[in-house]
Amino acid sequence: MGFKGRILDSPSFPICRSQVDIEVEGDWRELLKEMRGFHWMIAYGDYLREIGYALSKIGIKWKVI
């Protein structure tokens, strides 16, 4: 699952070493429904198309929110 977003802040809570507050560009309700856990990969830039292409080549289904 992938989505576009914008980083709003980088807080420093004592719970995790990498933290960002992100504004989701898309249907956040769909993202919340599809979410599987709390660990995410972040890339600076819009690489949704490229990631989707690479994943399709190795048989992984990809959903853009």
Protein backbone atom coordinates (compact mmCIF):
# COMPACT_ATOMS: atom_id res chain seq x y z
CA MET A 1 0.00 0.00 0.00
CA GLY A 2 1.32 3.44 -0.84
CA PHE A 3 0.17 7.00 -0.58
CA LYS A 4 1.34 10.54 -1.16
CA GLY A 5 1.76 12.87 1.76
CA ARG A 6 3.50 15.90 3.10
CA ILE A 7 5.69 15.96 6.20
CA LEU A 8 4.33 18.48 8.68
CA ASP A 9 6.60 17.91 11.66
CA SER A 10 9.31 15.69 13.09
CA PRO A 11 8.52 15.28 16.80
CA SER A 12 10.78 13.59 19.31
CA PHE A 13 8.71 11.32 21.53
CA PRO A 14 10.55 8.69 23.63
CA ILE A 15 8.77 5.83 21.79
CA CYS A 16 10.49 5.52 18.42
CA ARG A 17 13.68 6.80 16.81
CA SER A 18 12.14 7.84 13.46
CA GLN A 19 9.03 9.95 13.77
CA VAL A 20 7.12 12.16 11.36
CA ASP A 21 3.70 13.75 11.31
CA ILE A 22 2.32 13.36 7.79
CA GLU A 23 -0.64 14.95 6.05
CA VAL A 24 -2.11 12.27 3.77
CA GLU A 25 -2.94 13.40 0.24
CA GLY A 26 -5.83 11.07 -0.50
CA ASP A 27 -8.47 9.09 1.34
CA TRP A 28 -7.11 8.78 4.88
CA ARG A 29 -10.15 6.69 5.86
CA GLU A 30 -9.18 4.07 3.26
CA LEU A 31 -5.59 4.17 4.54
CA LEU A 32 -6.80 3.62 8.10
CA LYS A 33 -8.98 0.69 6.96
CA GLU A 34 -6.11 -0.97 5.05
CA MET A 35 -3.35 -0.27 7.59
CA ARG A 36 -1.45 -3.34 8.83
CA GLY A 37 0.77 -2.24 11.70
CA PHE A 38 2.69 0.90 12.48
CA HIS A 39 6.04 0.49 10.71
CA TRP A 40 6.33 2.32 7.40
CA MET A 41 8.92 3.09 4.74
CA ILE A 42 9.20 6.73 3.67
CA ALA A 43 10.71 8.09 0.47
CA TYR A 44 11.27 11.74 -0.29
CA GLY A 45 9.68 12.36 -3.68
CA ASP A 46 6.85 10.79 -5.66
CA TYR A 47 7.89 7.24 -6.56
CA LEU A 48 4.50 5.49 -6.36
CA ARG A 49 4.53 4.51 -10.04
CA GLU A 50 8.08 3.18 -9.93
CA ILE A 51 7.50 1.21 -6.73
CA GLY A 52 4.28 -0.24 -8.13
CA TYR A 53 6.11 -1.34 -11.28
CA ALA A 54 8.96 -2.99 -9.34
CA LEU A 55 6.56 -4.80 -7.00
CA SER A 56 4.48 -6.09 -9.91
CA LYS A 57 7.62 -7.66 -11.39
CA ILE A 58 8.12 -9.77 -8.25
CA GLY A 59 4.45 -10.65 -7.83
CA ILE A 60 3.50 -8.31 -4.98
CA LYS A 61 0.14 -6.56 -5.21
CA TRP A 62 0.28 -2.79 -4.72
CA LYS A 63 -2.55 -0.45 -3.79
CA VAL A 64 -2.25 3.32 -3.96
CA ILE A 65 -4.48 5.18 -1.52
